[in-house]
Amino acid sequence: MLPIELFVAGLALAVSLMLRPWRMLRGPLGAPWVASWVLLSLLWVLPQNLPAGISIQLSGACLLVLMFGWPLAVIELLLIALVVWLFGQLGWAAVLSQLVWIGLVPATLALGLGEVLRRTLPPHPFIYVLGRAFIGTAACLFVAGVAYEFAHHLIGGVAMEHALVARWLMAWGDAFITGMLVSIFVAFVPEWLATWSDRRYLGPGGT
């Protein structure tokens, strides 16, 4: 799987750099982007210091896509992986796998889901918060987790049921945090959400 993961990471980085998304950091997204990088770096390293047998891994990838868009989210996820490799206890191959399967894959799925919702459902705040931030995050992380299990041949027999349950529960933990934060941002600091538009979701009176 290593060559595939290297290809996915390299392709995502190349596409994001071609779009030159760092120009968006000159506005109100600059400080939240740096703050989220620091916080998520700590949260990604934290599971390595938990007692053996405890595996709690937050992603944050879908939240980053909602806040900064896919290109900036990809760059931040790569920087997070760099911090995990430098200050964590995992080798570069394990960090790369983590980057791809709990970072880049769910982020890309979130991008696709957002486009589908924009094209098929009405522009309602409820659709944005519940569809993209809450249920959408759970769905993207669950699909990415299942894809990881199949790609690494970890599922089989009874283990499949256990792995699917674990992936489902972990996905909802991330979804709850993402949904809660996005709800707060929509209400108080919508400028922190690059994918939010007052004109689209609130109508002309929202601008």
N, C-alpha and C. Protein backbone atom coordinates (compact mmCIF):
# COMPACT_ATOMS: atom_id res chain seq x y z
N MET A 1 0.82 -1.22 0.00
CA MET A 1 0.00 0.00 0.00
C MET A 1 0.84 1.27 0.00
N LEU A 2 2.12 1.15 0.37
CA LEU A 2 2.95 2.34 0.47
C LEU A 2 3.04 3.13 -0.84
N PRO A 3 3.26 2.48 -1.99
CA PRO A 3 3.30 3.26 -3.23
C PRO A 3 2.00 4.00 -3.52
N ILE A 4 0.87 3.37 -3.22
CA ILE A 4 -0.42 4.02 -3.44
C ILE A 4 -0.57 5.22 -2.53
N GLU A 5 -0.20 5.07 -1.27
CA GLU A 5 -0.31 6.18 -0.32
C GLU A 5 0.62 7.32 -0.70
N LEU A 6 1.82 7.00 -1.17
CA LEU A 6 2.73 8.05 -1.65
C LEU A 6 2.13 8.78 -2.85
N PHE A 7 1.51 8.03 -3.74
CA PHE A 7 0.90 8.65 -4.92
C PHE A 7 -0.25 9.57 -4.53
N VAL A 8 -1.11 9.10 -3.62
CA VAL A 8 -2.25 9.91 -3.19
C VAL A 8 -1.78 11.19 -2.53
N ALA A 9 -0.80 11.08 -1.63
CA ALA A 9 -0.29 12.27 -0.93
C ALA A 9 0.38 13.23 -1.91
N GLY A 10 1.18 12.70 -2.82
CA GLY A 10 1.85 13.55 -3.79
C GLY A 10 0.87 14.24 -4.73
N LEU A 11 -0.13 13.51 -5.19
CA LEU A 11 -1.13 14.09 -6.08
C LEU A 11 -1.93 15.18 -5.38
N ALA A 12 -2.35 14.92 -4.14
CA ALA A 12 -3.11 15.92 -3.39
C ALA A 12 -2.28 17.18 -3.17
N LEU A 13 -1.00 17.01 -2.84
CA LEU A 13 -0.14 18.17 -2.63
C LEU A 13 0.04 18.95 -3.93
N ALA A 14 0.26 18.25 -5.03
CA ALA A 14 0.47 18.93 -6.31
C ALA A 14 -0.75 19.74 -6.72
N VAL A 15 -1.93 19.14 -6.59
CA VAL A 15 -3.16 19.84 -6.97
C VAL A 15 -3.39 21.06 -6.09
N SER A 16 -3.19 20.89 -4.78
CA SER A 16 -3.42 22.01 -3.86
C SER A 16 -2.43 23.15 -4.12
N LEU A 17 -1.17 22.83 -4.41
CA LEU A 17 -0.19 23.89 -4.68
C LEU A 17 -0.49 24.61 -5.99
N MET A 18 -1.01 23.88 -6.97
CA MET A 18 -1.37 24.51 -8.25
C MET A 18 -2.45 25.58 -8.06
N LEU A 19 -3.30 25.39 -7.07
CA LEU A 19 -4.40 26.34 -6.84
C LEU A 19 -3.97 27.54 -6.00
N ARG A 20 -2.76 27.52 -5.47
CA ARG A 20 -2.20 28.62 -4.66
C ARG A 20 -3.19 29.13 -3.60
N PRO A 21 -3.64 28.28 -2.72
CA PRO A 21 -4.68 28.68 -1.77
C PRO A 21 -4.19 29.57 -0.65
N TRP A 22 -2.86 29.68 -0.47
CA TRP A 22 -2.34 30.49 0.64
C TRP A 22 -2.73 31.95 0.52
N ARG A 23 -3.20 32.38 -0.63
CA ARG A 23 -3.66 33.77 -0.77
C ARG A 23 -4.84 34.05 0.15
N MET A 24 -5.62 33.02 0.47
CA MET A 24 -6.77 33.20 1.35
C MET A 24 -6.36 33.50 2.78
N LEU A 25 -5.12 33.17 3.14
CA LEU A 25 -4.67 33.36 4.52
C LEU A 25 -4.41 34.82 4.85
N ARG A 26 -4.44 35.69 3.87
CA ARG A 26 -4.25 37.11 4.14
C ARG A 26 -5.47 37.73 4.81
N GLY A 27 -6.60 37.07 4.71
CA GLY A 27 -7.84 37.58 5.30
C GLY A 27 -8.09 36.99 6.67
N PRO A 28 -9.36 36.87 7.04
CA PRO A 28 -9.71 36.40 8.40
C PRO A 28 -9.41 34.93 8.64
N LEU A 29 -9.04 34.17 7.61
CA LEU A 29 -8.77 32.74 7.81
C LEU A 29 -7.35 32.47 8.30
N GLY A 30 -6.49 33.48 8.28
CA GLY A 30 -5.09 33.26 8.64
C GLY A 30 -4.90 32.74 10.05
N ALA A 31 -5.43 33.47 11.03
CA ALA A 31 -5.26 33.07 12.43
C ALA A 31 -5.92 31.73 12.74
N PRO A 32 -7.17 31.48 12.31
CA PRO A 32 -7.76 30.16 12.56
C PRO A 32 -6.98 29.02 11.91
N TRP A 33 -6.39 29.27 10.76
CA TRP A 33 -5.63 28.22 10.08
C TRP A 33 -4.41 27.82 10.91
N VAL A 34 -3.68 28.80 11.40
CA VAL A 34 -2.51 28.50 12.23
C VAL A 34 -2.93 27.83 13.54
N ALA A 35 -4.00 28.35 14.16
CA ALA A 35 -4.47 27.78 15.43
C ALA A 35 -4.91 26.33 15.26
N SER A 36 -5.63 26.05 14.18
CA SER A 36 -6.10 24.68 13.95
C SER A 36 -4.93 23.75 13.65
N TRP A 37 -3.90 24.25 12.99
CA TRP A 37 -2.71 23.43 12.73
C TRP A 37 -2.05 23.02 14.04
N VAL A 38 -1.88 23.96 14.94
CA VAL A 38 -1.25 23.65 16.23
C VAL A 38 -2.11 22.67 17.02
N LEU A 39 -3.41 22.94 17.10
CA LEU A 39 -4.29 22.10 17.91
C LEU A 39 -4.40 20.69 17.35
N LEU A 40 -4.61 20.57 16.06
CA LEU A 40 -4.75 19.23 15.47
C LEU A 40 -3.43 18.46 15.49
N SER A 41 -2.32 19.16 15.41
CA SER A 41 -1.03 18.47 15.55
C SER A 41 -0.92 17.81 16.91
N LEU A 42 -1.34 18.53 17.95
CA LEU A 42 -1.33 17.95 19.30
C LEU A 42 -2.28 16.77 19.39
N LEU A 43 -3.47 16.89 18.80
CA LEU A 43 -4.46 15.82 18.88
C LEU A 43 -4.05 14.59 18.08
N TRP A 44 -3.27 14.79 17.04
CA TRP A 44 -2.80 13.64 16.26
C TRP A 44 -1.65 12.91 16.97
N VAL A 45 -0.85 13.65 17.72
CA VAL A 45 0.27 13.03 18.45
C VAL A 45 -0.23 12.37 19.73
N LEU A 46 -1.28 12.91 20.32
CA LEU A 46 -1.77 12.46 21.63
C LEU A 46 -2.00 10.95 21.71
N PRO A 47 -2.65 10.30 20.74
CA PRO A 47 -2.91 8.86 20.88
C PRO A 47 -1.66 8.02 21.08
N GLN A 48 -0.51 8.49 20.62
CA GLN A 48 0.73 7.74 20.79
C GLN A 48 1.18 7.70 22.25
N ASN A 49 0.65 8.61 23.06
CA ASN A 49 1.04 8.67 24.46
C ASN A 49 -0.03 8.12 25.40
N LEU A 50 -1.09 7.54 24.84
CA LEU A 50 -2.13 6.92 25.66
C LEU A 50 -1.71 5.52 26.06
N PRO A 51 -2.28 4.98 27.15
CA PRO A 51 -1.95 3.60 27.55
C PRO A 51 -2.24 2.61 26.45
N ALA A 52 -1.51 1.52 26.45
CA ALA A 52 -1.69 0.48 25.44
C ALA A 52 -3.12 -0.05 25.47
N GLY A 53 -3.69 -0.24 24.28
CA GLY A 53 -5.05 -0.75 24.18
C GLY A 53 -6.09 0.34 24.00
N ILE A 54 -5.70 1.60 24.22
CA ILE A 54 -6.62 2.72 24.03
C ILE A 54 -6.28 3.40 22.71
N SER A 55 -7.23 3.43 21.81
CA SER A 55 -7.00 4.02 20.49
C SER A 55 -8.09 5.04 20.20
N ILE A 56 -7.77 6.31 20.38
CA ILE A 56 -8.70 7.39 20.11
C ILE A 56 -8.02 8.35 19.14
N GLN A 57 -8.51 8.41 17.93
CA GLN A 57 -7.87 9.23 16.92
C GLN A 57 -8.89 10.16 16.27
N LEU A 58 -8.77 11.44 16.56
CA LEU A 58 -9.60 12.43 15.89
C LEU A 58 -8.96 12.81 14.56
N SER A 59 -9.79 13.11 13.59
CA SER A 59 -9.29 13.47 12.27
C SER A 59 -9.24 14.99 12.09
N GLY A 60 -10.40 15.63 12.13
CA GLY A 60 -10.46 17.07 11.90
C GLY A 60 -10.42 17.44 10.43
N ALA A 61 -10.27 16.46 9.54
CA ALA A 61 -10.11 16.76 8.11
C ALA A 61 -11.35 17.42 7.53
N CYS A 62 -12.53 16.91 7.86
CA CYS A 62 -13.76 17.48 7.31
C CYS A 62 -13.99 18.90 7.83
N LEU A 63 -13.64 19.15 9.08
CA LEU A 63 -13.74 20.50 9.63
C LEU A 63 -12.81 21.45 8.88
N LEU A 64 -11.60 21.00 8.58
CA LEU A 64 -10.66 21.84 7.84
C LEU A 64 -11.20 22.19 6.46
N VAL A 65 -11.83 21.24 5.80
CA VAL A 65 -12.40 21.51 4.48
C VAL A 65 -13.50 22.56 4.57
N LEU A 66 -14.35 22.45 5.58
CA LEU A 66 -15.42 23.42 5.75
C LEU A 66 -14.87 24.81 6.09
N MET A 67 -13.81 24.86 6.87
CA MET A 67 -13.26 26.14 7.30
C MET A 67 -12.42 26.81 6.22
N PHE A 68 -11.59 26.02 5.54
CA PHE A 68 -10.58 26.62 4.66
C PHE A 68 -10.66 26.19 3.20
N GLY A 69 -11.55 25.26 2.89
CA GLY A 69 -11.57 24.71 1.55
C GLY A 69 -10.58 23.56 1.42
N TRP A 70 -10.76 22.75 0.39
CA TRP A 70 -9.93 21.54 0.23
C TRP A 70 -8.44 21.83 0.05
N PRO A 71 -8.03 22.79 -0.79
CA PRO A 71 -6.58 23.00 -0.99
C PRO A 71 -5.84 23.38 0.29
N LEU A 72 -6.36 24.34 1.05
CA LEU A 72 -5.71 24.72 2.30
C LEU A 72 -5.77 23.59 3.32
N ALA A 73 -6.86 22.83 3.31
CA ALA A 73 -6.96 21.69 4.22
C ALA A 73 -5.88 20.66 3.93
N VAL A 74 -5.62 20.40 2.66
CA VAL A 74 -4.58 19.44 2.28
C VAL A 74 -3.21 19.90 2.77
N ILE A 75 -2.89 21.16 2.55
CA ILE A 75 -1.60 21.68 3.00
C ILE A 75 -1.47 21.58 4.52
N GLU A 76 -2.53 21.92 5.23
CA GLU A 76 -2.47 21.83 6.69
C GLU A 76 -2.32 20.39 7.15
N LEU A 77 -3.02 19.46 6.52
CA LEU A 77 -2.91 18.06 6.90
C LEU A 77 -1.49 17.55 6.68
N LEU A 78 -0.84 17.98 5.62
CA LEU A 78 0.54 17.59 5.37
C LEU A 78 1.47 18.17 6.43
N LEU A 79 1.23 19.39 6.85
CA LEU A 79 2.04 19.99 7.91
C LEU A 79 1.79 19.29 9.24
N ILE A 80 0.55 18.89 9.50
CA ILE A 80 0.25 18.13 10.71
C ILE A 80 1.01 16.81 10.70
N ALA A 81 1.00 16.13 9.57
CA ALA A 81 1.73 14.87 9.46
C ALA A 81 3.22 15.07 9.69
N LEU A 82 3.75 16.18 9.22
CA LEU A 82 5.17 16.48 9.45
C LEU A 82 5.47 16.62 10.93
N VAL A 83 4.59 17.31 11.65
CA VAL A 83 4.76 17.47 13.10
C VAL A 83 4.68 16.11 13.80
N VAL A 84 3.71 15.29 13.39
CA VAL A 84 3.56 13.96 13.99
C VAL A 84 4.81 13.12 13.77
N TRP A 85 5.39 13.21 12.58
CA TRP A 85 6.61 12.45 12.29
C TRP A 85 7.80 12.96 13.09
N LEU A 86 7.91 14.28 13.23
CA LEU A 86 9.06 14.87 13.93
C LEU A 86 8.99 14.66 15.44
N PHE A 87 7.80 14.77 16.00
CA PHE A 87 7.68 14.76 17.46
C PHE A 87 6.98 13.52 18.01
N GLY A 88 6.45 12.67 17.15
CA GLY A 88 5.79 11.46 17.60
C GLY A 88 6.74 10.27 17.62
N GLN A 89 6.16 9.11 17.81
CA GLN A 89 6.94 7.88 17.93
C GLN A 89 6.77 6.96 16.73
N LEU A 90 6.02 7.38 15.73
CA LEU A 90 5.76 6.54 14.57
C LEU A 90 6.78 6.79 13.47
N GLY A 91 7.03 5.77 12.68
CA GLY A 91 7.89 5.92 11.52
C GLY A 91 7.17 6.65 10.40
N TRP A 92 7.93 7.02 9.38
CA TRP A 92 7.34 7.84 8.33
C TRP A 92 6.27 7.09 7.55
N ALA A 93 6.41 5.78 7.40
CA ALA A 93 5.40 5.01 6.66
C ALA A 93 4.07 4.99 7.41
N ALA A 94 4.13 4.84 8.74
CA ALA A 94 2.90 4.85 9.54
C ALA A 94 2.25 6.23 9.52
N VAL A 95 3.07 7.27 9.58
CA VAL A 95 2.53 8.64 9.54
C VAL A 95 1.90 8.92 8.18
N LEU A 96 2.53 8.43 7.12
CA LEU A 96 1.97 8.60 5.78
C LEU A 96 0.61 7.92 5.67
N SER A 97 0.51 6.71 6.20
CA SER A 97 -0.77 6.00 6.18
C SER A 97 -1.84 6.76 6.96
N GLN A 98 -1.44 7.31 8.10
CA GLN A 98 -2.37 8.11 8.90
C GLN A 98 -2.81 9.34 8.13
N LEU A 99 -1.87 10.01 7.50
CA LEU A 99 -2.18 11.20 6.71
C LEU A 99 -3.20 10.90 5.63
N VAL A 100 -3.00 9.81 4.92
CA VAL A 100 -3.86 9.49 3.78
C VAL A 100 -5.25 9.07 4.23
N TRP A 101 -5.34 8.15 5.21
CA TRP A 101 -6.62 7.51 5.51
C TRP A 101 -7.48 8.25 6.52
N ILE A 102 -6.89 9.05 7.41
CA ILE A 102 -7.74 9.85 8.30
C ILE A 102 -7.64 11.34 7.97
N GLY A 103 -6.84 11.66 6.95
CA GLY A 103 -6.70 13.05 6.55
C GLY A 103 -7.18 13.30 5.13
N LEU A 104 -6.38 12.89 4.16
CA LEU A 104 -6.65 13.24 2.77
C LEU A 104 -7.90 12.58 2.20
N VAL A 105 -8.10 11.31 2.51
CA VAL A 105 -9.27 10.62 1.96
C VAL A 105 -10.58 11.21 2.48
N PRO A 106 -10.77 11.35 3.82
CA PRO A 106 -12.02 11.97 4.28
C PRO A 106 -12.16 13.42 3.83
N ALA A 107 -11.06 14.15 3.72
CA ALA A 107 -11.14 15.53 3.24
C ALA A 107 -11.65 15.58 1.81
N THR A 108 -11.16 14.67 0.97
CA THR A 108 -11.60 14.63 -0.42
C THR A 108 -13.04 14.17 -0.53
N LEU A 109 -13.42 13.20 0.30
CA LEU A 109 -14.82 12.77 0.32
C LEU A 109 -15.73 13.92 0.76
N ALA A 110 -15.27 14.71 1.74
CA ALA A 110 -16.07 15.85 2.20
C ALA A 110 -16.24 16.88 1.10
N LEU A 111 -15.19 17.08 0.30
CA LEU A 111 -15.29 17.99 -0.84
C LEU A 111 -16.34 17.50 -1.83
N GLY A 112 -16.30 16.22 -2.15
CA GLY A 112 -17.28 15.67 -3.08
C GLY A 112 -18.69 15.70 -2.54
N LEU A 113 -18.85 15.37 -1.26
CA LEU A 113 -20.18 15.40 -0.65
C LEU A 113 -20.74 16.82 -0.65
N GLY A 114 -19.89 17.79 -0.35
CA GLY A 114 -20.35 19.17 -0.36
C GLY A 114 -20.86 19.60 -1.72
N GLU A 115 -20.17 19.17 -2.77
CA GLU A 115 -20.60 19.51 -4.13
C GLU A 115 -21.93 18.84 -4.46
N VAL A 116 -22.10 17.60 -4.04
CA VAL A 116 -23.36 16.89 -4.28
C VAL A 116 -24.52 17.59 -3.57
N LEU A 117 -24.30 17.98 -2.32
CA LEU A 117 -25.36 18.64 -1.55
C LEU A 117 -25.71 20.00 -2.15
N ARG A 118 -24.71 20.72 -2.63
CA ARG A 118 -24.96 22.02 -3.25
C ARG A 118 -25.82 21.89 -4.50
N ARG A 119 -25.62 20.81 -5.24
CA ARG A 119 -26.32 20.65 -6.51
C ARG A 119 -27.69 20.01 -6.37
N THR A 120 -27.91 19.29 -5.28
CA THR A 120 -29.15 18.50 -5.17
C THR A 120 -30.12 18.98 -4.11
N LEU A 121 -29.65 19.73 -3.12
CA LEU A 121 -30.52 20.15 -2.02
C LEU A 121 -30.61 21.67 -1.95
N PRO A 122 -31.69 22.20 -1.38
CA PRO A 122 -31.85 23.65 -1.29
C PRO A 122 -30.80 24.27 -0.37
N PRO A 123 -30.45 25.54 -0.60
CA PRO A 123 -29.44 26.22 0.21
C PRO A 123 -29.99 26.65 1.56
N HIS A 124 -30.10 25.73 2.47
CA HIS A 124 -30.65 26.00 3.79
C HIS A 124 -29.57 25.79 4.84
N PRO A 125 -29.49 26.66 5.86
CA PRO A 125 -28.47 26.48 6.91
C PRO A 125 -28.53 25.10 7.56
N PHE A 126 -29.73 24.55 7.68
CA PHE A 126 -29.88 23.22 8.27
C PHE A 126 -29.15 22.17 7.43
N ILE A 127 -29.21 22.31 6.11
CA ILE A 127 -28.52 21.39 5.21
C ILE A 127 -27.01 21.51 5.40
N TYR A 128 -26.53 22.72 5.54
CA TYR A 128 -25.09 22.94 5.70
C TYR A 128 -24.59 22.35 7.01
N VAL A 129 -25.24 22.69 8.12
CA VAL A 129 -24.77 22.25 9.43
C VAL A 129 -24.97 20.75 9.63
N LEU A 130 -26.18 20.28 9.36
CA LEU A 130 -26.46 18.86 9.60
C LEU A 130 -25.89 17.98 8.49
N GLY A 131 -26.09 18.40 7.23
CA GLY A 131 -25.67 17.56 6.11
C GLY A 131 -24.17 17.51 5.92
N ARG A 132 -23.52 18.68 5.95
CA ARG A 132 -22.09 18.71 5.69
C ARG A 132 -21.26 18.54 6.95
N ALA A 133 -21.62 19.25 8.02
CA ALA A 133 -20.77 19.24 9.21
C ALA A 133 -20.98 18.03 10.10
N PHE A 134 -22.21 17.59 10.25
CA PHE A 134 -22.50 16.52 11.22
C PHE A 134 -22.59 15.15 10.54
N ILE A 135 -23.68 14.90 9.84
CA ILE A 135 -23.84 13.59 9.18
C ILE A 135 -22.79 13.39 8.10
N GLY A 136 -22.48 14.44 7.37
CA GLY A 136 -21.48 14.33 6.32
C GLY A 136 -20.12 13.92 6.84
N THR A 137 -19.71 14.50 7.97
CA THR A 137 -18.43 14.13 8.57
C THR A 137 -18.42 12.67 8.98
N ALA A 138 -19.49 12.23 9.63
CA ALA A 138 -19.56 10.83 10.04
C ALA A 138 -19.48 9.90 8.84
N ALA A 139 -20.20 10.23 7.78
CA ALA A 139 -20.21 9.37 6.59
C ALA A 139 -18.83 9.33 5.93
N CYS A 140 -18.20 10.48 5.79
CA CYS A 140 -16.89 10.53 5.12
C CYS A 140 -15.83 9.77 5.90
N LEU A 141 -15.81 9.94 7.21
CA LEU A 141 -14.81 9.25 8.02
C LEU A 141 -15.08 7.75 8.08
N PHE A 142 -16.34 7.37 8.11
CA PHE A 142 -16.66 5.94 8.14
C PHE A 142 -16.25 5.27 6.83
N VAL A 143 -16.58 5.90 5.71
CA VAL A 143 -16.21 5.34 4.41
C VAL A 143 -14.69 5.25 4.28
N ALA A 144 -13.99 6.30 4.72
CA ALA A 144 -12.53 6.28 4.65
C ALA A 144 -11.96 5.18 5.54
N GLY A 145 -12.54 5.00 6.73
CA GLY A 145 -12.08 3.96 7.63
C GLY A 145 -12.29 2.57 7.09
N VAL A 146 -13.45 2.34 6.50
CA VAL A 146 -13.74 1.03 5.90
C VAL A 146 -12.80 0.78 4.72
N ALA A 147 -12.55 1.81 3.92
CA ALA A 147 -11.63 1.66 2.79
C ALA A 147 -10.23 1.30 3.29
N TYR A 148 -9.82 1.91 4.40
CA TYR A 148 -8.51 1.57 4.98
C TYR A 148 -8.46 0.11 5.39
N GLU A 149 -9.50 -0.35 6.06
CA GLU A 149 -9.51 -1.74 6.53
C GLU A 149 -9.42 -2.72 5.36
N PHE A 150 -10.19 -2.47 4.31
CA PHE A 150 -10.15 -3.35 3.16
C PHE A 150 -8.81 -3.26 2.43
N ALA A 151 -8.29 -2.04 2.30
CA ALA A 151 -7.03 -1.87 1.57
C ALA A 151 -5.87 -2.56 2.26
N HIS A 152 -5.92 -2.59 3.59
CA HIS A 152 -4.83 -3.22 4.36
C HIS A 152 -5.15 -4.65 4.75
N HIS A 153 -6.24 -5.19 4.24
CA HIS A 153 -6.60 -6.59 4.48
C HIS A 153 -6.73 -6.90 5.97
N LEU A 154 -7.32 -5.97 6.71
CA LEU A 154 -7.47 -6.19 8.14
C LEU A 154 -8.83 -6.77 8.49
N ILE A 155 -9.75 -6.76 7.53
CA ILE A 155 -11.10 -7.23 7.82
C ILE A 155 -11.26 -8.66 7.34
N GLY A 156 -11.91 -9.47 8.16
CA GLY A 156 -12.18 -10.84 7.76
C GLY A 156 -12.93 -11.56 8.85
N GLY A 157 -13.99 -12.28 8.49
CA GLY A 157 -14.75 -13.03 9.47
C GLY A 157 -15.37 -12.14 10.52
N VAL A 158 -15.25 -12.56 11.79
CA VAL A 158 -15.82 -11.81 12.90
C VAL A 158 -15.14 -10.46 13.06
N ALA A 159 -13.85 -10.38 12.71
CA ALA A 159 -13.12 -9.12 12.85
C ALA A 159 -13.76 -8.01 12.03
N MET A 160 -14.40 -8.36 10.92
CA MET A 160 -15.06 -7.35 10.10
C MET A 160 -16.12 -6.60 10.90
N GLU A 161 -16.95 -7.33 11.60
CA GLU A 161 -18.01 -6.70 12.38
C GLU A 161 -17.43 -5.78 13.44
N HIS A 162 -16.41 -6.22 14.14
CA HIS A 162 -15.80 -5.40 15.18
C HIS A 162 -15.16 -4.14 14.59
N ALA A 163 -14.47 -4.31 13.47
CA ALA A 163 -13.81 -3.16 12.85
C ALA A 163 -14.83 -2.14 12.36
N LEU A 164 -15.92 -2.60 11.77
CA LEU A 164 -16.94 -1.67 11.28
C LEU A 164 -17.59 -0.91 12.42
N VAL A 165 -17.87 -1.59 13.52
CA VAL A 165 -18.46 -0.92 14.68
C VAL A 165 -17.50 0.13 15.22
N ALA A 166 -16.22 -0.23 15.33
CA ALA A 166 -15.23 0.72 15.84
C ALA A 166 -15.12 1.94 14.93
N ARG A 167 -15.06 1.71 13.64
CA ARG A 167 -14.97 2.83 12.70
C ARG A 167 -16.21 3.72 12.76
N TRP A 168 -17.37 3.11 12.91
CA TRP A 168 -18.62 3.87 12.98
C TRP A 168 -18.65 4.75 14.22
N LEU A 169 -18.26 4.20 15.35
CA LEU A 169 -18.28 4.97 16.59
C LEU A 169 -17.26 6.10 16.56
N MET A 170 -16.07 5.83 16.05
CA MET A 170 -15.04 6.88 15.98
C MET A 170 -15.46 7.99 15.02
N ALA A 171 -16.14 7.62 13.95
CA ALA A 171 -16.59 8.63 12.99
C ALA A 171 -17.59 9.59 13.63
N TRP A 172 -18.47 9.08 14.48
CA TRP A 172 -19.46 9.95 15.11
C TRP A 172 -18.85 10.85 16.17
N GLY A 173 -17.76 10.42 16.79
CA GLY A 173 -17.07 11.31 17.72
C GLY A 173 -16.54 12.54 17.00
N ASP A 174 -15.91 12.32 15.87
CA ASP A 174 -15.41 13.43 15.05
C ASP A 174 -16.57 14.28 14.53
N ALA A 175 -17.66 13.62 14.14
CA ALA A 175 -18.81 14.34 13.60
C ALA A 175 -19.44 15.25 14.64
N PHE A 176 -19.51 14.79 15.89
CA PHE A 176 -20.11 15.62 16.94
C PHE A 176 -19.29 16.89 17.15
N ILE A 177 -17.97 16.75 17.20
CA ILE A 177 -17.11 17.92 17.40
C ILE A 177 -17.22 18.87 16.21
N THR A 178 -17.17 18.32 15.01
CA THR A 178 -17.25 19.16 13.81
C THR A 178 -18.60 19.88 13.73
N GLY A 179 -19.68 19.15 13.97
CA GLY A 179 -21.00 19.77 13.92
C GLY A 179 -21.17 20.87 14.95
N MET A 180 -20.67 20.63 16.17
CA MET A 180 -20.78 21.63 17.23
C MET A 180 -19.99 22.89 16.87
N LEU A 181 -18.75 22.72 16.42
CA LEU A 181 -17.92 23.88 16.10
C LEU A 181 -18.47 24.65 14.90
N VAL A 182 -18.92 23.95 13.90
CA VAL A 182 -19.48 24.64 12.72
C VAL A 182 -20.74 25.41 13.09
N SER A 183 -21.57 24.85 13.96
CA SER A 183 -22.76 25.57 14.42
C SER A 183 -22.38 26.87 15.11
N ILE A 184 -21.34 26.81 15.95
CA ILE A 184 -20.87 28.01 16.64
C ILE A 184 -20.30 29.02 15.65
N PHE A 185 -19.52 28.53 14.70
CA PHE A 185 -18.91 29.44 13.72
C PHE A 185 -19.97 30.10 12.84
N VAL A 186 -20.99 29.36 12.43
CA VAL A 186 -22.06 29.93 11.62
C VAL A 186 -22.76 31.06 12.37
N ALA A 187 -22.95 30.86 13.67
CA ALA A 187 -23.69 31.85 14.46
C ALA A 187 -22.85 33.08 14.79
N PHE A 188 -21.55 32.89 15.07
CA PHE A 188 -20.76 33.98 15.63
C PHE A 188 -19.60 34.44 14.75
N VAL A 189 -18.95 33.54 14.03
CA VAL A 189 -17.81 33.93 13.19
C VAL A 189 -17.89 33.24 11.82
N PRO A 190 -18.91 33.54 11.03
CA PRO A 190 -19.06 32.87 9.73
C PRO A 190 -17.88 33.13 8.79
N GLU A 191 -17.11 34.19 9.05
CA GLU A 191 -15.95 34.46 8.20
C GLU A 191 -14.85 33.41 8.38
N TRP A 192 -14.97 32.56 9.38
CA TRP A 192 -14.02 31.46 9.56
C TRP A 192 -14.38 30.24 8.72
N LEU A 193 -15.46 30.30 7.99
CA LEU A 193 -15.91 29.17 7.17
C LEU A 193 -15.85 29.58 5.70
N ALA A 194 -14.85 29.10 5.00
CA ALA A 194 -14.70 29.45 3.58
C ALA A 194 -15.83 28.89 2.73
N THR A 195 -16.47 27.82 3.21
CA THR A 195 -17.54 27.19 2.44
C THR A 195 -18.92 27.74 2.78
N TRP A 196 -18.98 28.69 3.69
CA TRP A 196 -20.25 29.29 4.08
C TRP A 196 -20.45 30.61 3.34
N SER A 197 -21.70 30.87 2.95
CA SER A 197 -22.05 32.13 2.30
C SER A 197 -23.37 32.62 2.86
N ASP A 198 -23.37 33.82 3.44
CA ASP A 198 -24.62 34.40 3.93
C ASP A 198 -25.62 34.56 2.80
N ARG A 199 -25.14 34.98 1.64
CA ARG A 199 -26.04 35.20 0.51
C ARG A 199 -26.70 33.90 0.08
N ARG A 200 -25.95 32.82 0.08
CA ARG A 200 -26.51 31.54 -0.37
C ARG A 200 -27.44 30.94 0.67
N TYR A 201 -27.01 30.90 1.93
CA TYR A 201 -27.76 30.16 2.94
C TYR A 201 -28.78 31.00 3.70
N LEU A 202 -28.62 32.32 3.69
CA LEU A 202 -29.56 33.19 4.41
C LEU A 202 -30.35 34.09 3.48
N GLY A 203 -30.01 34.11 2.21
CA GLY A 203 -30.71 34.97 1.27
C GLY A 203 -30.09 36.35 1.22
N PRO A 204 -30.61 37.23 0.36
CA PRO A 204 -30.05 38.58 0.20
C PRO A 204 -29.99 39.36 1.50
N GLY A 205 -30.92 39.10 2.41
CA GLY A 205 -30.92 39.84 3.67
C GLY A 205 -29.80 39.47 4.59
N GLY A 206 -29.08 38.36 4.29
CA GLY A 206 -28.01 37.93 5.17
C GLY A 206 -26.69 38.59 4.89
N THR A 207 -26.58 39.37 3.82
CA THR A 207 -25.32 40.00 3.48
C THR A 207 -25.23 41.38 4.05
